Amino acid sequence: MIYVDADACPVKAEAEKVATRHGIKMFIVSNGGIRPSPNPLVESVIVPDGPDIADMWIAERAGKGDIVVTGDIPLAAKCVASGARVLKHNGEALTEANIGQVLGMRDLMADLRAADPFRQGGGKAFGKADRSRFLDALEREVQRAKRGG
């Protein structure tokens, strides 16, 4: 299965294309405000408002053989620990080998932003190249999951 942490996810349509091509069930999990897909393989899951409720829903279900699409690093760490494959929106894979470093960098950046109110804002804009990288990465992860590797 593919689980998409849908709030602020720029690649829902791309994930749906790959899931449909492979006949894989996909869950789009959010707090609402996202138009449900008519695709029978795609289930929209609306969770109650509250901090990290969507993340908890995904973390409780994702496991070995599943793919999780998220930009939320703590959620990614939980999913990696449960054996799921995790991709960020830009196609970067989060694995047992790199999740510790990614978590550490996230915490460091949070500390730097808290210490310097002028160090705010995001990085570069999300573009076509990012979408393409994501599609390629998701296709590779689906192929690996199908092989059981």
N, C-alpha and C. Protein backbone atom coordinates (compact mmCIF):
# COMPACT_ATOMS: atom_id res chain seq x y z
N MET A 1 0.83 -1.18 0.00
CA MET A 1 0.00 0.00 0.00
C MET A 1 0.88 1.24 0.00
N ILE A 2 0.30 2.31 -0.47
CA ILE A 2 0.98 3.61 -0.44
C ILE A 2 0.16 4.52 0.47
N TYR A 3 0.85 5.14 1.42
CA TYR A 3 0.23 6.10 2.32
C TYR A 3 0.81 7.48 2.00
N VAL A 4 -0.07 8.45 1.77
CA VAL A 4 0.38 9.81 1.47
C VAL A 4 -0.07 10.73 2.59
N ASP A 5 0.91 11.36 3.24
CA ASP A 5 0.64 12.40 4.23
C ASP A 5 0.27 13.63 3.42
N ALA A 6 -1.04 13.83 3.21
CA ALA A 6 -1.52 14.71 2.15
C ALA A 6 -1.52 16.19 2.46
N ASP A 7 -1.53 16.59 3.72
CA ASP A 7 -1.53 18.02 4.02
C ASP A 7 -0.23 18.62 3.48
N ALA A 8 -0.35 19.59 2.59
CA ALA A 8 0.78 20.29 1.98
C ALA A 8 1.64 19.36 1.11
N CYS A 9 1.06 18.31 0.57
CA CYS A 9 1.80 17.39 -0.29
C CYS A 9 1.63 17.81 -1.75
N PRO A 10 2.73 18.15 -2.42
CA PRO A 10 2.62 18.60 -3.81
C PRO A 10 2.61 17.47 -4.84
N VAL A 11 2.69 16.21 -4.42
CA VAL A 11 2.82 15.11 -5.39
C VAL A 11 1.72 14.06 -5.26
N LYS A 12 0.55 14.46 -4.81
CA LYS A 12 -0.56 13.50 -4.67
C LYS A 12 -0.93 12.90 -6.03
N ALA A 13 -1.04 13.74 -7.05
CA ALA A 13 -1.43 13.25 -8.38
C ALA A 13 -0.38 12.30 -8.94
N GLU A 14 0.89 12.60 -8.73
CA GLU A 14 1.95 11.72 -9.22
C GLU A 14 1.92 10.38 -8.51
N ALA A 15 1.69 10.40 -7.21
CA ALA A 15 1.61 9.14 -6.46
C ALA A 15 0.42 8.31 -6.94
N GLU A 16 -0.69 8.98 -7.22
CA GLU A 16 -1.88 8.27 -7.71
C GLU A 16 -1.61 7.62 -9.07
N LYS A 17 -0.88 8.29 -9.94
CA LYS A 17 -0.54 7.71 -11.25
C LYS A 17 0.24 6.41 -11.09
N VAL A 18 1.24 6.44 -10.21
CA VAL A 18 2.07 5.25 -10.02
C VAL A 18 1.25 4.14 -9.36
N ALA A 19 0.45 4.48 -8.37
CA ALA A 19 -0.38 3.47 -7.70
C ALA A 19 -1.35 2.84 -8.68
N THR A 20 -1.95 3.64 -9.54
CA THR A 20 -2.90 3.13 -10.52
C THR A 20 -2.21 2.22 -11.53
N ARG A 21 -1.05 2.63 -12.00
CA ARG A 21 -0.30 1.83 -12.97
C ARG A 21 0.03 0.44 -12.42
N HIS A 22 0.27 0.37 -11.13
CA HIS A 22 0.65 -0.91 -10.51
C HIS A 22 -0.50 -1.60 -9.79
N GLY A 23 -1.67 -0.99 -9.78
CA GLY A 23 -2.82 -1.59 -9.11
C GLY A 23 -2.66 -1.68 -7.60
N ILE A 24 -2.07 -0.64 -7.02
CA ILE A 24 -1.79 -0.61 -5.58
C ILE A 24 -2.79 0.30 -4.87
N LYS A 25 -3.30 -0.16 -3.75
CA LYS A 25 -4.19 0.65 -2.91
C LYS A 25 -3.41 1.82 -2.34
N MET A 26 -4.02 3.01 -2.36
CA MET A 26 -3.37 4.21 -1.85
C MET A 26 -4.31 4.93 -0.90
N PHE A 27 -3.76 5.39 0.21
CA PHE A 27 -4.52 6.17 1.19
C PHE A 27 -3.97 7.59 1.19
N ILE A 28 -4.87 8.56 1.01
CA ILE A 28 -4.52 9.97 1.10
C ILE A 28 -5.07 10.45 2.44
N VAL A 29 -4.17 10.74 3.37
CA VAL A 29 -4.57 11.03 4.74
C VAL A 29 -4.38 12.52 5.03
N SER A 30 -5.47 13.17 5.50
CA SER A 30 -5.41 14.60 5.78
C SER A 30 -6.43 14.98 6.85
N ASN A 31 -6.39 16.25 7.22
CA ASN A 31 -7.37 16.81 8.15
C ASN A 31 -8.58 17.37 7.41
N GLY A 32 -8.62 17.18 6.11
CA GLY A 32 -9.75 17.67 5.31
C GLY A 32 -9.31 18.71 4.31
N GLY A 33 -10.26 19.15 3.51
CA GLY A 33 -9.96 20.19 2.54
C GLY A 33 -9.32 19.67 1.27
N ILE A 34 -9.25 18.36 1.11
CA ILE A 34 -8.67 17.78 -0.10
C ILE A 34 -9.77 17.06 -0.86
N ARG A 35 -9.88 17.34 -2.13
CA ARG A 35 -10.92 16.73 -2.96
C ARG A 35 -10.65 15.23 -3.10
N PRO A 36 -11.65 14.40 -2.79
CA PRO A 36 -11.47 12.95 -2.93
C PRO A 36 -11.28 12.55 -4.39
N SER A 37 -10.50 11.54 -4.61
CA SER A 37 -10.26 11.04 -5.96
C SER A 37 -11.38 10.07 -6.34
N PRO A 38 -11.80 10.08 -7.59
CA PRO A 38 -12.79 9.10 -8.04
C PRO A 38 -12.17 7.71 -8.30
N ASN A 39 -10.87 7.63 -8.23
CA ASN A 39 -10.14 6.39 -8.48
C ASN A 39 -10.49 5.36 -7.40
N PRO A 40 -10.95 4.15 -7.78
CA PRO A 40 -11.32 3.15 -6.78
C PRO A 40 -10.13 2.63 -5.96
N LEU A 41 -8.91 2.84 -6.44
CA LEU A 41 -7.73 2.41 -5.69
C LEU A 41 -7.31 3.43 -4.63
N VAL A 42 -7.89 4.62 -4.70
CA VAL A 42 -7.48 5.71 -3.81
C VAL A 42 -8.57 5.97 -2.78
N GLU A 43 -8.20 5.85 -1.52
CA GLU A 43 -9.13 6.13 -0.43
C GLU A 43 -8.69 7.38 0.31
N SER A 44 -9.58 8.34 0.41
CA SER A 44 -9.31 9.55 1.18
C SER A 44 -9.69 9.29 2.63
N VAL A 45 -8.74 9.54 3.51
CA VAL A 45 -8.98 9.36 4.94
C VAL A 45 -8.91 10.74 5.59
N ILE A 46 -10.02 11.15 6.17
CA ILE A 46 -10.08 12.44 6.86
C ILE A 46 -10.01 12.15 8.36
N VAL A 47 -8.98 12.67 8.99
CA VAL A 47 -8.80 12.48 10.43
C VAL A 47 -9.23 13.74 11.16
N PRO A 48 -9.54 13.63 12.44
CA PRO A 48 -9.92 14.82 13.21
C PRO A 48 -8.79 15.84 13.27
N ASP A 49 -9.17 17.10 13.46
CA ASP A 49 -8.16 18.14 13.65
C ASP A 49 -7.38 17.84 14.91
N GLY A 50 -6.15 18.24 14.89
CA GLY A 50 -5.30 18.04 16.06
C GLY A 50 -3.87 17.81 15.60
N PRO A 51 -2.93 18.09 16.48
CA PRO A 51 -1.54 17.95 16.10
C PRO A 51 -1.18 16.48 15.82
N ASP A 52 -0.64 16.26 14.65
CA ASP A 52 -0.09 14.95 14.26
C ASP A 52 -1.09 13.80 14.21
N ILE A 53 -2.40 14.08 14.12
CA ILE A 53 -3.39 12.99 14.05
C ILE A 53 -3.21 12.20 12.75
N ALA A 54 -3.01 12.90 11.63
CA ALA A 54 -2.79 12.21 10.36
C ALA A 54 -1.51 11.37 10.42
N ASP A 55 -0.48 11.93 11.03
CA ASP A 55 0.79 11.20 11.17
C ASP A 55 0.59 9.93 11.99
N MET A 56 -0.15 10.04 13.07
CA MET A 56 -0.39 8.87 13.92
C MET A 56 -1.17 7.80 13.16
N TRP A 57 -2.15 8.22 12.37
CA TRP A 57 -2.96 7.27 11.60
C TRP A 57 -2.06 6.47 10.66
N ILE A 58 -1.16 7.18 9.98
CA ILE A 58 -0.25 6.51 9.04
C ILE A 58 0.73 5.62 9.79
N ALA A 59 1.34 6.15 10.84
CA ALA A 59 2.36 5.39 11.59
C ALA A 59 1.79 4.11 12.19
N GLU A 60 0.52 4.12 12.58
CA GLU A 60 -0.09 2.92 13.16
C GLU A 60 -0.32 1.83 12.12
N ARG A 61 -0.35 2.19 10.84
CA ARG A 61 -0.72 1.22 9.80
C ARG A 61 0.42 0.83 8.87
N ALA A 62 1.32 1.74 8.59
CA ALA A 62 2.39 1.48 7.62
C ALA A 62 3.39 0.48 8.19
N GLY A 63 3.78 -0.46 7.34
CA GLY A 63 4.74 -1.47 7.77
C GLY A 63 5.52 -2.02 6.59
N LYS A 64 6.12 -3.15 6.78
CA LYS A 64 6.97 -3.77 5.77
C LYS A 64 6.20 -3.93 4.46
N GLY A 65 6.82 -3.52 3.38
CA GLY A 65 6.22 -3.62 2.07
C GLY A 65 5.40 -2.40 1.67
N ASP A 66 5.10 -1.51 2.61
CA ASP A 66 4.33 -0.30 2.32
C ASP A 66 5.28 0.84 1.96
N ILE A 67 4.73 1.83 1.29
CA ILE A 67 5.48 3.04 0.93
C ILE A 67 4.75 4.23 1.52
N VAL A 68 5.49 5.10 2.19
CA VAL A 68 4.92 6.30 2.80
C VAL A 68 5.54 7.52 2.12
N VAL A 69 4.69 8.46 1.72
CA VAL A 69 5.14 9.70 1.11
C VAL A 69 4.87 10.81 2.12
N THR A 70 5.94 11.42 2.61
CA THR A 70 5.79 12.47 3.62
C THR A 70 7.01 13.38 3.65
N GLY A 71 6.78 14.59 4.08
CA GLY A 71 7.87 15.52 4.35
C GLY A 71 8.09 15.67 5.84
N ASP A 72 7.30 14.95 6.62
CA ASP A 72 7.36 15.03 8.08
C ASP A 72 8.42 14.04 8.57
N ILE A 73 9.52 14.55 9.08
CA ILE A 73 10.66 13.70 9.44
C ILE A 73 10.36 12.79 10.63
N PRO A 74 9.71 13.27 11.71
CA PRO A 74 9.39 12.34 12.79
C PRO A 74 8.47 11.19 12.33
N LEU A 75 7.49 11.50 11.47
CA LEU A 75 6.65 10.44 10.91
C LEU A 75 7.50 9.48 10.09
N ALA A 76 8.38 10.01 9.28
CA ALA A 76 9.26 9.18 8.47
C ALA A 76 10.07 8.22 9.35
N ALA A 77 10.59 8.74 10.46
CA ALA A 77 11.40 7.90 11.35
C ALA A 77 10.57 6.74 11.91
N LYS A 78 9.33 7.01 12.30
CA LYS A 78 8.46 5.95 12.81
C LYS A 78 8.19 4.90 11.74
N CYS A 79 7.95 5.35 10.53
CA CYS A 79 7.63 4.43 9.43
C CYS A 79 8.85 3.60 9.04
N VAL A 80 10.01 4.23 9.00
CA VAL A 80 11.24 3.49 8.71
C VAL A 80 11.46 2.42 9.78
N ALA A 81 11.23 2.78 11.03
CA ALA A 81 11.40 1.82 12.13
C ALA A 81 10.44 0.63 12.00
N SER A 82 9.28 0.85 11.40
CA SER A 82 8.31 -0.25 11.25
C SER A 82 8.53 -1.04 9.96
N GLY A 83 9.56 -0.67 9.19
CA GLY A 83 9.89 -1.43 7.99
C GLY A 83 9.34 -0.87 6.69
N ALA A 84 8.63 0.25 6.75
CA ALA A 84 8.08 0.85 5.53
C ALA A 84 9.17 1.58 4.76
N ARG A 85 8.94 1.75 3.48
CA ARG A 85 9.81 2.56 2.63
C ARG A 85 9.25 3.98 2.68
N VAL A 86 10.13 4.98 2.78
CA VAL A 86 9.66 6.36 2.92
C VAL A 86 10.33 7.24 1.87
N LEU A 87 9.51 8.04 1.22
CA LEU A 87 9.99 9.02 0.25
C LEU A 87 9.52 10.41 0.63
N LYS A 88 10.44 11.37 0.51
CA LYS A 88 10.04 12.77 0.64
C LYS A 88 9.46 13.20 -0.69
N HIS A 89 8.83 14.35 -0.73
CA HIS A 89 8.18 14.85 -1.93
C HIS A 89 9.14 15.08 -3.09
N ASN A 90 10.41 15.29 -2.79
CA ASN A 90 11.39 15.52 -3.84
C ASN A 90 12.04 14.23 -4.32
N GLY A 91 11.56 13.09 -3.83
CA GLY A 91 12.09 11.80 -4.26
C GLY A 91 13.20 11.25 -3.38
N GLU A 92 13.63 12.01 -2.39
CA GLU A 92 14.68 11.53 -1.49
C GLU A 92 14.14 10.39 -0.63
N ALA A 93 14.86 9.28 -0.64
CA ALA A 93 14.47 8.14 0.18
C ALA A 93 15.01 8.32 1.60
N LEU A 94 14.17 8.04 2.58
CA LEU A 94 14.60 8.06 3.97
C LEU A 94 14.66 6.60 4.43
N THR A 95 15.83 6.21 4.90
CA THR A 95 16.09 4.80 5.22
C THR A 95 16.70 4.69 6.60
N GLU A 96 16.91 3.45 7.04
CA GLU A 96 17.59 3.23 8.31
C GLU A 96 18.98 3.85 8.31
N ALA A 97 19.60 3.89 7.13
CA ALA A 97 20.97 4.41 7.02
C ALA A 97 21.05 5.92 7.17
N ASN A 98 19.98 6.66 6.81
CA ASN A 98 20.10 8.12 6.85
C ASN A 98 19.10 8.83 7.75
N ILE A 99 18.13 8.12 8.31
CA ILE A 99 17.07 8.81 9.06
C ILE A 99 17.61 9.51 10.32
N GLY A 100 18.60 8.93 10.96
CA GLY A 100 19.17 9.56 12.15
C GLY A 100 19.80 10.91 11.83
N GLN A 101 20.55 10.96 10.73
CA GLN A 101 21.17 12.21 10.31
C GLN A 101 20.11 13.23 9.91
N VAL A 102 19.08 12.81 9.20
CA VAL A 102 18.02 13.72 8.77
C VAL A 102 17.27 14.28 9.98
N LEU A 103 16.99 13.42 10.96
CA LEU A 103 16.33 13.89 12.19
C LEU A 103 17.21 14.90 12.92
N GLY A 104 18.51 14.61 13.01
CA GLY A 104 19.44 15.52 13.67
C GLY A 104 19.49 16.88 12.99
N MET A 105 19.53 16.87 11.66
CA MET A 105 19.57 18.12 10.90
C MET A 105 18.27 18.91 11.09
N ARG A 106 17.15 18.20 11.12
CA ARG A 106 15.86 18.86 11.34
C ARG A 106 15.86 19.56 12.70
N ASP A 107 16.33 18.87 13.73
CA ASP A 107 16.36 19.45 15.07
C ASP A 107 17.32 20.64 15.14
N LEU A 108 18.47 20.50 14.47
CA LEU A 108 19.43 21.61 14.45
C LEU A 108 18.83 22.84 13.79
N MET A 109 18.17 22.65 12.66
CA MET A 109 17.57 23.78 11.95
C MET A 109 16.45 24.41 12.78
N ALA A 110 15.69 23.60 13.49
CA ALA A 110 14.64 24.15 14.36
C ALA A 110 15.25 25.01 15.46
N ASP A 111 16.37 24.54 16.02
CA ASP A 111 17.05 25.31 17.06
C ASP A 111 17.60 26.62 16.50
N LEU A 112 18.17 26.57 15.30
CA LEU A 112 18.70 27.79 14.69
C LEU A 112 17.60 28.80 14.40
N ARG A 113 16.45 28.31 13.91
CA ARG A 113 15.33 29.23 13.64
C ARG A 113 14.80 29.83 14.93
N ALA A 114 14.77 29.03 16.00
CA ALA A 114 14.28 29.54 17.28
C ALA A 114 15.22 30.60 17.85
N ALA A 115 16.51 30.44 17.61
CA ALA A 115 17.50 31.37 18.14
C ALA A 115 17.61 32.65 17.32
N ASP A 116 17.23 32.60 16.05
CA ASP A 116 17.37 33.75 15.17
C ASP A 116 16.06 33.97 14.41
N PRO A 117 15.24 34.91 14.87
CA PRO A 117 13.94 35.12 14.24
C PRO A 117 14.03 35.55 12.78
N PHE A 118 15.21 35.97 12.32
CA PHE A 118 15.37 36.37 10.92
C PHE A 118 15.70 35.18 10.03
N ARG A 119 15.99 34.03 10.63
CA ARG A 119 16.30 32.83 9.86
C ARG A 119 15.01 32.02 9.70
N GLN A 120 14.14 32.53 8.88
CA GLN A 120 12.85 31.88 8.66
C GLN A 120 12.69 31.59 7.18
N GLY A 121 11.61 30.96 6.85
CA GLY A 121 11.30 30.72 5.45
C GLY A 121 11.78 29.38 4.98
N GLY A 122 11.28 29.01 3.83
CA GLY A 122 11.61 27.71 3.28
C GLY A 122 12.79 27.78 2.34
N GLY A 123 13.03 26.68 1.69
CA GLY A 123 14.13 26.58 0.73
C GLY A 123 13.64 26.97 -0.64
N LYS A 124 14.19 26.28 -1.63
CA LYS A 124 13.84 26.59 -3.01
C LYS A 124 12.43 26.13 -3.34
N ALA A 125 11.87 26.70 -4.37
CA ALA A 125 10.52 26.34 -4.81
C ALA A 125 10.49 24.93 -5.36
N PHE A 126 9.35 24.27 -5.25
CA PHE A 126 9.15 22.92 -5.75
C PHE A 126 8.83 23.00 -7.23
N GLY A 127 9.62 22.33 -8.06
CA GLY A 127 9.45 22.48 -9.51
C GLY A 127 9.29 21.17 -10.26
N LYS A 128 9.32 21.29 -11.59
CA LYS A 128 9.14 20.12 -12.46
C LYS A 128 10.20 19.05 -12.22
N ALA A 129 11.43 19.46 -12.02
CA ALA A 129 12.51 18.50 -11.79
C ALA A 129 12.24 17.71 -10.51
N ASP A 130 11.70 18.37 -9.48
CA ASP A 130 11.37 17.68 -8.22
C ASP A 130 10.27 16.64 -8.46
N ARG A 131 9.26 17.01 -9.23
CA ARG A 131 8.18 16.07 -9.55
C ARG A 131 8.71 14.86 -10.31
N SER A 132 9.57 15.11 -11.26
CA SER A 132 10.16 14.04 -12.05
C SER A 132 11.00 13.11 -11.17
N ARG A 133 11.82 13.69 -10.29
CA ARG A 133 12.63 12.88 -9.36
C ARG A 133 11.73 12.04 -8.47
N PHE A 134 10.63 12.65 -8.00
CA PHE A 134 9.70 11.90 -7.15
C PHE A 134 9.10 10.73 -7.91
N LEU A 135 8.61 10.97 -9.13
CA LEU A 135 8.01 9.90 -9.93
C LEU A 135 8.99 8.75 -10.14
N ASP A 136 10.23 9.07 -10.49
CA ASP A 136 11.25 8.04 -10.69
C ASP A 136 11.51 7.26 -9.40
N ALA A 137 11.63 8.00 -8.31
CA ALA A 137 11.92 7.35 -7.02
C ALA A 137 10.76 6.46 -6.58
N LEU A 138 9.52 6.94 -6.74
CA LEU A 138 8.36 6.13 -6.35
C LEU A 138 8.28 4.87 -7.21
N GLU A 139 8.52 5.00 -8.49
CA GLU A 139 8.51 3.84 -9.37
C GLU A 139 9.54 2.81 -8.92
N ARG A 140 10.75 3.25 -8.59
CA ARG A 140 11.80 2.34 -8.09
C ARG A 140 11.38 1.65 -6.79
N GLU A 141 10.78 2.43 -5.86
CA GLU A 141 10.38 1.86 -4.58
C GLU A 141 9.26 0.83 -4.76
N VAL A 142 8.32 1.11 -5.66
CA VAL A 142 7.24 0.15 -5.93
C VAL A 142 7.83 -1.13 -6.51
N GLN A 143 8.76 -0.99 -7.43
CA GLN A 143 9.40 -2.19 -8.02
C GLN A 143 10.12 -3.00 -6.95
N ARG A 144 10.85 -2.32 -6.07
CA ARG A 144 11.57 -3.02 -4.98
C ARG A 144 10.58 -3.71 -4.04
N ALA A 145 9.51 -3.01 -3.71
CA ALA A 145 8.51 -3.59 -2.80
C ALA A 145 7.87 -4.83 -3.42
N LYS A 146 7.62 -4.79 -4.72
CA LYS A 146 7.02 -5.94 -5.40
C LYS A 146 7.96 -7.14 -5.41
N ARG A 147 9.27 -6.85 -5.49
CA ARG A 147 10.27 -7.92 -5.45
C ARG A 147 10.54 -8.40 -4.03
N GLY A 148 10.04 -7.64 -3.06
CA GLY A 148 10.27 -8.00 -1.66
C GLY A 148 11.64 -7.60 -1.17
N GLY A 149 12.31 -6.73 -1.90
CA GLY A 149 13.67 -6.33 -1.53
C GLY A 149 13.76 -5.01 -0.86
